[in-house]
N, C-alpha and C. Protein backbone atom coordinates (compact mmCIF):
# COMPACT_ATOMS: atom_id res chain seq x y z
N MET A 1 0.84 -1.19 0.00
CA MET A 1 0.00 0.00 0.00
C MET A 1 0.88 1.25 0.00
N LYS A 2 0.64 2.13 -0.93
CA LYS A 2 1.42 3.35 -1.02
C LYS A 2 0.64 4.49 -0.38
N LEU A 3 1.31 5.22 0.47
CA LEU A 3 0.67 6.35 1.15
C LEU A 3 0.85 7.63 0.34
N SER A 4 -0.18 8.44 0.31
CA SER A 4 -0.07 9.73 -0.38
C SER A 4 0.66 10.71 0.52
N SER A 5 1.05 11.83 -0.05
CA SER A 5 1.71 12.88 0.74
C SER A 5 0.81 13.38 1.86
N LEU A 6 -0.47 13.51 1.57
CA LEU A 6 -1.42 13.95 2.60
C LEU A 6 -1.50 12.93 3.72
N ASP A 7 -1.52 11.64 3.38
CA ASP A 7 -1.54 10.60 4.41
C ASP A 7 -0.33 10.69 5.32
N VAL A 8 0.84 10.84 4.73
CA VAL A 8 2.08 10.93 5.50
C VAL A 8 2.05 12.17 6.40
N PHE A 9 1.59 13.29 5.86
CA PHE A 9 1.50 14.53 6.63
C PHE A 9 0.57 14.35 7.82
N ILE A 10 -0.59 13.76 7.60
CA ILE A 10 -1.58 13.58 8.67
C ILE A 10 -1.06 12.61 9.73
N ILE A 11 -0.42 11.53 9.30
CA ILE A 11 0.15 10.58 10.27
C ILE A 11 1.19 11.28 11.14
N GLY A 12 2.05 12.08 10.54
CA GLY A 12 3.05 12.82 11.31
C GLY A 12 2.43 13.81 12.28
N ALA A 13 1.38 14.50 11.84
CA ALA A 13 0.71 15.49 12.69
C ALA A 13 0.01 14.81 13.87
N VAL A 14 -0.68 13.72 13.60
CA VAL A 14 -1.40 13.01 14.67
C VAL A 14 -0.41 12.42 15.68
N ALA A 15 0.67 11.84 15.18
CA ALA A 15 1.67 11.25 16.08
C ALA A 15 2.27 12.31 16.99
N LYS A 16 2.60 13.46 16.44
CA LYS A 16 3.19 14.53 17.25
C LYS A 16 2.18 15.10 18.23
N ALA A 17 0.93 15.24 17.81
CA ALA A 17 -0.11 15.75 18.71
C ALA A 17 -0.30 14.82 19.90
N ILE A 18 -0.31 13.53 19.66
CA ILE A 18 -0.47 12.57 20.75
C ILE A 18 0.74 12.61 21.68
N ALA A 19 1.93 12.61 21.11
CA ALA A 19 3.15 12.63 21.93
C ALA A 19 3.22 13.90 22.77
N THR A 20 2.90 15.04 22.17
CA THR A 20 2.95 16.31 22.91
C THR A 20 1.91 16.34 24.02
N THR A 21 0.72 15.86 23.74
CA THR A 21 -0.34 15.85 24.74
C THR A 21 0.03 14.96 25.93
N LEU A 22 0.63 13.82 25.66
CA LEU A 22 1.00 12.91 26.74
C LEU A 22 2.16 13.43 27.59
N THR A 23 3.09 14.13 26.98
CA THR A 23 4.28 14.57 27.70
C THR A 23 4.20 16.02 28.19
N TYR A 24 3.14 16.73 27.85
CA TYR A 24 3.07 18.16 28.16
C TYR A 24 3.19 18.48 29.66
N PRO A 25 2.52 17.73 30.56
CA PRO A 25 2.69 18.07 31.98
C PRO A 25 4.16 18.02 32.43
N MET A 26 4.91 17.06 31.95
CA MET A 26 6.33 16.99 32.32
C MET A 26 7.14 18.10 31.67
N GLN A 27 6.77 18.50 30.45
CA GLN A 27 7.46 19.62 29.81
C GLN A 27 7.22 20.91 30.59
N THR A 28 6.01 21.05 31.13
CA THR A 28 5.68 22.23 31.93
C THR A 28 6.53 22.26 33.19
N VAL A 29 6.62 21.14 33.88
CA VAL A 29 7.44 21.06 35.09
C VAL A 29 8.91 21.31 34.76
N GLN A 30 9.37 20.78 33.64
CA GLN A 30 10.75 21.00 33.23
C GLN A 30 11.02 22.49 33.02
N SER A 31 10.07 23.19 32.42
CA SER A 31 10.23 24.63 32.22
C SER A 31 10.25 25.37 33.54
N ILE A 32 9.39 24.97 34.46
CA ILE A 32 9.39 25.60 35.78
C ILE A 32 10.73 25.40 36.46
N LEU A 33 11.24 24.18 36.40
CA LEU A 33 12.53 23.89 37.03
C LEU A 33 13.67 24.65 36.36
N ARG A 34 13.61 24.75 35.05
CA ARG A 34 14.70 25.39 34.31
C ARG A 34 14.69 26.91 34.46
N PHE A 35 13.52 27.52 34.38
CA PHE A 35 13.46 28.98 34.33
C PHE A 35 12.79 29.61 35.54
N GLY A 36 12.06 28.82 36.33
CA GLY A 36 11.26 29.38 37.40
C GLY A 36 12.02 29.71 38.66
N ARG A 37 13.18 29.09 38.87
CA ARG A 37 13.94 29.30 40.09
C ARG A 37 13.10 29.03 41.33
N HIS A 38 12.26 28.00 41.26
CA HIS A 38 11.43 27.65 42.41
C HIS A 38 12.28 26.97 43.46
N ARG A 39 11.95 27.23 44.71
CA ARG A 39 12.65 26.60 45.82
C ARG A 39 11.61 26.09 46.81
N LEU A 40 11.97 25.04 47.49
CA LEU A 40 11.12 24.56 48.57
C LEU A 40 11.39 25.41 49.80
N ASN A 41 10.36 25.80 50.48
CA ASN A 41 10.51 26.69 51.62
C ASN A 41 11.26 26.09 52.82
N PRO A 42 10.91 24.88 53.29
CA PRO A 42 11.53 24.40 54.53
C PRO A 42 13.05 24.31 54.48
N GLU A 43 13.59 23.67 53.47
CA GLU A 43 15.04 23.51 53.41
C GLU A 43 15.70 24.51 52.45
N ASN A 44 14.86 25.26 51.71
CA ASN A 44 15.36 26.23 50.73
C ASN A 44 16.26 25.56 49.70
N ARG A 45 15.86 24.33 49.30
CA ARG A 45 16.63 23.59 48.29
C ARG A 45 16.07 23.86 46.91
N THR A 46 16.94 23.85 45.92
CA THR A 46 16.48 23.95 44.54
C THR A 46 15.78 22.67 44.16
N LEU A 47 14.67 22.79 43.45
CA LEU A 47 13.92 21.61 43.04
C LEU A 47 14.67 20.84 41.98
N GLY A 48 14.49 19.53 41.94
CA GLY A 48 15.13 18.75 40.90
C GLY A 48 14.92 17.27 41.03
N SER A 49 14.71 16.78 42.24
CA SER A 49 14.55 15.34 42.43
C SER A 49 13.15 14.92 42.00
N LEU A 50 12.95 13.61 41.89
CA LEU A 50 11.65 13.08 41.51
C LEU A 50 10.57 13.53 42.48
N ARG A 51 10.88 13.55 43.77
CA ARG A 51 9.92 13.98 44.78
C ARG A 51 9.49 15.43 44.52
N ASN A 52 10.44 16.26 44.13
CA ASN A 52 10.12 17.66 43.87
C ASN A 52 9.33 17.84 42.58
N ILE A 53 9.58 16.98 41.60
CA ILE A 53 8.80 17.01 40.36
C ILE A 53 7.35 16.65 40.65
N LEU A 54 7.17 15.59 41.46
CA LEU A 54 5.82 15.21 41.86
C LEU A 54 5.16 16.32 42.68
N TYR A 55 5.94 17.00 43.51
CA TYR A 55 5.43 18.12 44.29
C TYR A 55 4.92 19.23 43.37
N LEU A 56 5.69 19.56 42.34
CA LEU A 56 5.27 20.61 41.40
C LEU A 56 4.01 20.21 40.64
N LEU A 57 3.94 18.95 40.21
CA LEU A 57 2.73 18.48 39.54
C LEU A 57 1.52 18.58 40.47
N HIS A 58 1.71 18.18 41.72
CA HIS A 58 0.63 18.25 42.70
C HIS A 58 0.20 19.70 42.95
N GLN A 59 1.16 20.59 43.08
CA GLN A 59 0.85 22.01 43.30
C GLN A 59 0.09 22.60 42.11
N ARG A 60 0.47 22.22 40.92
CA ARG A 60 -0.21 22.72 39.72
C ARG A 60 -1.66 22.24 39.69
N VAL A 61 -1.89 20.99 40.06
CA VAL A 61 -3.25 20.45 40.09
C VAL A 61 -4.05 21.15 41.19
N ARG A 62 -3.45 21.38 42.34
CA ARG A 62 -4.16 22.06 43.43
C ARG A 62 -4.52 23.49 43.05
N ARG A 63 -3.63 24.16 42.33
CA ARG A 63 -3.85 25.57 41.99
C ARG A 63 -4.82 25.75 40.82
N PHE A 64 -4.67 24.92 39.78
CA PHE A 64 -5.44 25.12 38.54
C PHE A 64 -6.41 23.99 38.22
N GLY A 65 -6.41 22.92 39.02
CA GLY A 65 -7.22 21.76 38.70
C GLY A 65 -6.46 20.86 37.74
N ILE A 66 -7.07 19.74 37.41
CA ILE A 66 -6.41 18.76 36.55
C ILE A 66 -6.11 19.35 35.17
N LEU A 67 -6.96 20.25 34.71
CA LEU A 67 -6.70 20.88 33.41
C LEU A 67 -5.51 21.84 33.46
N GLY A 68 -5.11 22.20 34.66
CA GLY A 68 -3.93 23.06 34.81
C GLY A 68 -2.66 22.40 34.32
N LEU A 69 -2.65 21.08 34.29
CA LEU A 69 -1.49 20.37 33.75
C LEU A 69 -1.33 20.63 32.26
N TYR A 70 -2.42 21.03 31.62
CA TYR A 70 -2.41 21.25 30.17
C TYR A 70 -2.60 22.71 29.80
N LYS A 71 -2.39 23.61 30.76
CA LYS A 71 -2.51 25.04 30.50
C LYS A 71 -1.42 25.45 29.50
N GLY A 72 -1.82 26.03 28.38
CA GLY A 72 -0.87 26.43 27.35
C GLY A 72 -0.63 25.38 26.28
N LEU A 73 -1.34 24.26 26.36
CA LEU A 73 -1.13 23.17 25.40
C LEU A 73 -1.45 23.60 23.97
N GLU A 74 -2.47 24.46 23.81
CA GLU A 74 -2.85 24.87 22.45
C GLU A 74 -1.68 25.53 21.72
N ALA A 75 -1.00 26.42 22.41
CA ALA A 75 0.14 27.12 21.80
C ALA A 75 1.26 26.13 21.47
N LYS A 76 1.50 25.19 22.37
CA LYS A 76 2.55 24.20 22.14
C LYS A 76 2.21 23.32 20.94
N LEU A 77 0.94 22.93 20.81
CA LEU A 77 0.53 22.12 19.67
C LEU A 77 0.70 22.89 18.37
N LEU A 78 0.30 24.16 18.37
CA LEU A 78 0.48 24.98 17.16
C LEU A 78 1.95 25.10 16.80
N GLN A 79 2.79 25.18 17.81
CA GLN A 79 4.22 25.35 17.59
C GLN A 79 4.86 24.08 17.03
N THR A 80 4.44 22.92 17.50
CA THR A 80 5.19 21.70 17.19
C THR A 80 4.56 20.78 16.15
N VAL A 81 3.24 20.73 16.08
CA VAL A 81 2.59 19.73 15.22
C VAL A 81 2.87 19.98 13.75
N LEU A 82 2.72 21.19 13.29
CA LEU A 82 2.96 21.49 11.88
C LEU A 82 4.41 21.22 11.51
N THR A 83 5.34 21.62 12.35
CA THR A 83 6.75 21.39 12.08
C THR A 83 7.06 19.90 11.98
N ALA A 84 6.56 19.13 12.93
CA ALA A 84 6.83 17.69 12.93
C ALA A 84 6.20 17.01 11.71
N ALA A 85 4.98 17.41 11.36
CA ALA A 85 4.32 16.81 10.20
C ALA A 85 5.09 17.11 8.91
N LEU A 86 5.55 18.34 8.76
CA LEU A 86 6.34 18.70 7.58
C LEU A 86 7.67 17.94 7.55
N MET A 87 8.32 17.82 8.69
CA MET A 87 9.58 17.07 8.73
C MET A 87 9.36 15.60 8.39
N PHE A 88 8.27 15.02 8.88
CA PHE A 88 7.94 13.63 8.58
C PHE A 88 7.71 13.46 7.08
N LEU A 89 6.98 14.40 6.48
CA LEU A 89 6.70 14.34 5.05
C LEU A 89 7.99 14.47 4.24
N VAL A 90 8.84 15.43 4.58
CA VAL A 90 10.10 15.64 3.86
C VAL A 90 10.99 14.40 4.00
N TYR A 91 11.05 13.83 5.20
CA TYR A 91 11.85 12.63 5.41
C TYR A 91 11.38 11.49 4.50
N GLU A 92 10.08 11.28 4.45
CA GLU A 92 9.54 10.21 3.61
C GLU A 92 9.84 10.45 2.13
N LYS A 93 9.70 11.69 1.70
CA LYS A 93 9.98 12.01 0.29
C LYS A 93 11.46 11.84 -0.04
N LEU A 94 12.33 12.29 0.86
CA LEU A 94 13.77 12.14 0.63
C LEU A 94 14.18 10.67 0.64
N THR A 95 13.60 9.90 1.54
CA THR A 95 13.90 8.46 1.58
C THR A 95 13.47 7.79 0.27
N ALA A 96 12.27 8.11 -0.19
CA ALA A 96 11.78 7.53 -1.44
C ALA A 96 12.67 7.94 -2.61
N ALA A 97 13.08 9.20 -2.66
CA ALA A 97 13.94 9.68 -3.74
C ALA A 97 15.31 9.00 -3.69
N THR A 98 15.84 8.81 -2.51
CA THR A 98 17.14 8.15 -2.35
C THR A 98 17.07 6.71 -2.84
N PHE A 99 16.02 6.00 -2.45
CA PHE A 99 15.86 4.61 -2.91
C PHE A 99 15.71 4.56 -4.42
N THR A 100 14.99 5.52 -4.99
CA THR A 100 14.81 5.55 -6.44
C THR A 100 16.14 5.78 -7.14
N VAL A 101 16.92 6.75 -6.67
CA VAL A 101 18.22 7.07 -7.28
C VAL A 101 19.17 5.87 -7.18
N MET A 102 19.11 5.17 -6.06
CA MET A 102 20.00 4.03 -5.86
C MET A 102 19.50 2.78 -6.57
N GLY A 103 18.29 2.85 -7.11
CA GLY A 103 17.73 1.71 -7.82
C GLY A 103 17.27 0.59 -6.90
N LEU A 104 16.95 0.93 -5.67
CA LEU A 104 16.51 -0.07 -4.69
C LEU A 104 15.00 0.05 -4.50
N LYS A 105 14.41 -1.04 -4.10
CA LYS A 105 13.00 -1.02 -3.72
C LYS A 105 12.92 -0.99 -2.21
N ARG A 106 11.97 -0.26 -1.69
CA ARG A 106 11.77 -0.22 -0.23
C ARG A 106 11.15 -1.54 0.22
N ALA A 107 11.58 -1.99 1.37
CA ALA A 107 11.03 -3.21 1.94
C ALA A 107 9.66 -2.88 2.52
N HIS A 108 8.66 -3.62 2.11
CA HIS A 108 7.31 -3.40 2.63
C HIS A 108 7.00 -4.50 3.62
N THR A 109 6.52 -4.12 4.78
CA THR A 109 6.13 -5.10 5.79
C THR A 109 4.64 -5.05 5.98
N ARG A 110 4.09 -6.17 6.33
CA ARG A 110 2.64 -6.22 6.56
C ARG A 110 2.36 -6.42 8.00
C-alpha cells in the first residue's frame, strides 16, 4: 500500500499531537525547574529530584485543577505539530527519492 503525501502529513501530525499531549505536563514542570527558580521553603533547596517534580505536579493540580497540567497546550501544539508533520513528510519524500536514485526497492512489511 502506497501512502499519499497527505496521508504521511496527517500521520506525522497526529503522532506529534499525541506525543505532545501525553508529555506536556512533564514539559511544563521541566520549564518551571529550568526557568522558574522555584525553591522549597523548609530547606530552601532547589527543586530537581523526583519527589520535587511530583510536588510541582501536585501544586499545579491544586492551583489550577487537573486541566492546569495542560494550560498552554494549544500554543505548544500549534508550535510543534505542523513542524513535525512537515519534517515527517520531507523525510519520507527524501527516503523515497534516495531509494529511487539508488535503484533499490523499499522493503514493505505487513
